[in-house]
């Protein structure tokens, strides 16, 4: 019989059974098929019936699984409640009088990405904590003998972390005992993006646009990337020269840092993905509600490590532009920072004009479609990793 000739409950139950078995047919195509409903019967009747959001997420996971058996993951999706605010119990389109109350019917392929991501985050909150992960061994820092070159890095968090790792590997020592202080500066949007990504990995929940609004309301960049203020504080507490490295790329920053410290050339790669940070901040928000604020930082770092195992970044976070309303303010901050550094007379390496925002490949908002794509991949990958432990 045609699916359209069945009742709504029979049709949804049959499509659910089809999806649990790994099917990928869209709802509209499924309704036009002719099939024996007895062949697509749920082993156990589901009450209430799954809604459009749950079933569409299962279908997309099946597409990503490419034929692999993920029935258990489908069951996990179907019993998970979508956290936060959004659409509730979205029915599937059906040739019957519309409901007078509640969420109106919606085609699954027309659902907002935000709704699917919201549910995927709820699923990941169950799966990621069970994913095994190994903590990389960090070699002990060499004792700061007088003949070892000593340094202390400050500034843009992602670039600082990349440079630090490679300098330590050369045998240099990061210490507060008479170091060469280097403040690493990048274009203002890049420093904000690296600060945002670092704060999310420590439990932050701010959206990219909210981070900019708060900084503008405060009238200054976050303290860890306020380059003139960092350099001023360092100059006040040490009698050693403060070096300010200004680079428009990670590659240029690596060359300039190596030259300041007379070290071997180091390689710093642009790291991170805006969508990964967006997905992690959503998980942090859920963690804060379920585990309490005291556990957020520790769990965020643990979840970030596990998330790194399940997704592959595709776009450098350094290419994320400021939200359009914040662009003028970003230009003002770059100009005032350059002027303050120039007046103070620090040892500047690179061009201060590099602080100015330039053209970026990505818009000033995080691509929600990309976040959803990563969320689906993370669900699938964490399910496999969890099952293999």
Foldseek 3Di string as FASTA:
>chain_A
DQLLPDDLLLSLQLLLQCLLALHQDFSVVNNGDDDDSVVRHDPDDDPPRAALLLSLLSNVLSVVVVPDNPSVLSVLLRPFDQDDDDADRAHADHPDDWDPDGHTHDGSVPDDLVSNLSSLLRLCLVQLVLFDDDDDDDDDQDDPDVVAAEEAEAAQVQLRVQLVVQVSVQRHYYDPPPHAYEYEAFALQLSLLSVLLVVLLQLAQDFLQRQLVVCVVVVHHPPRHLRLVVLVVVVVPDVDAYEYEYDHASQSSQVQVCVVRVHDGGHRDQDDASLLSNSSSSNSVVCCVPVNPVCSRVVSNSSSSSLPVQDDHDDRSSLADAAVVNLVVSQVSLVVSLVSCVVVDGHYHDDSCSNHDDHGPHYNHHDSVVNSVSSSSNSSRSVVSSVVD
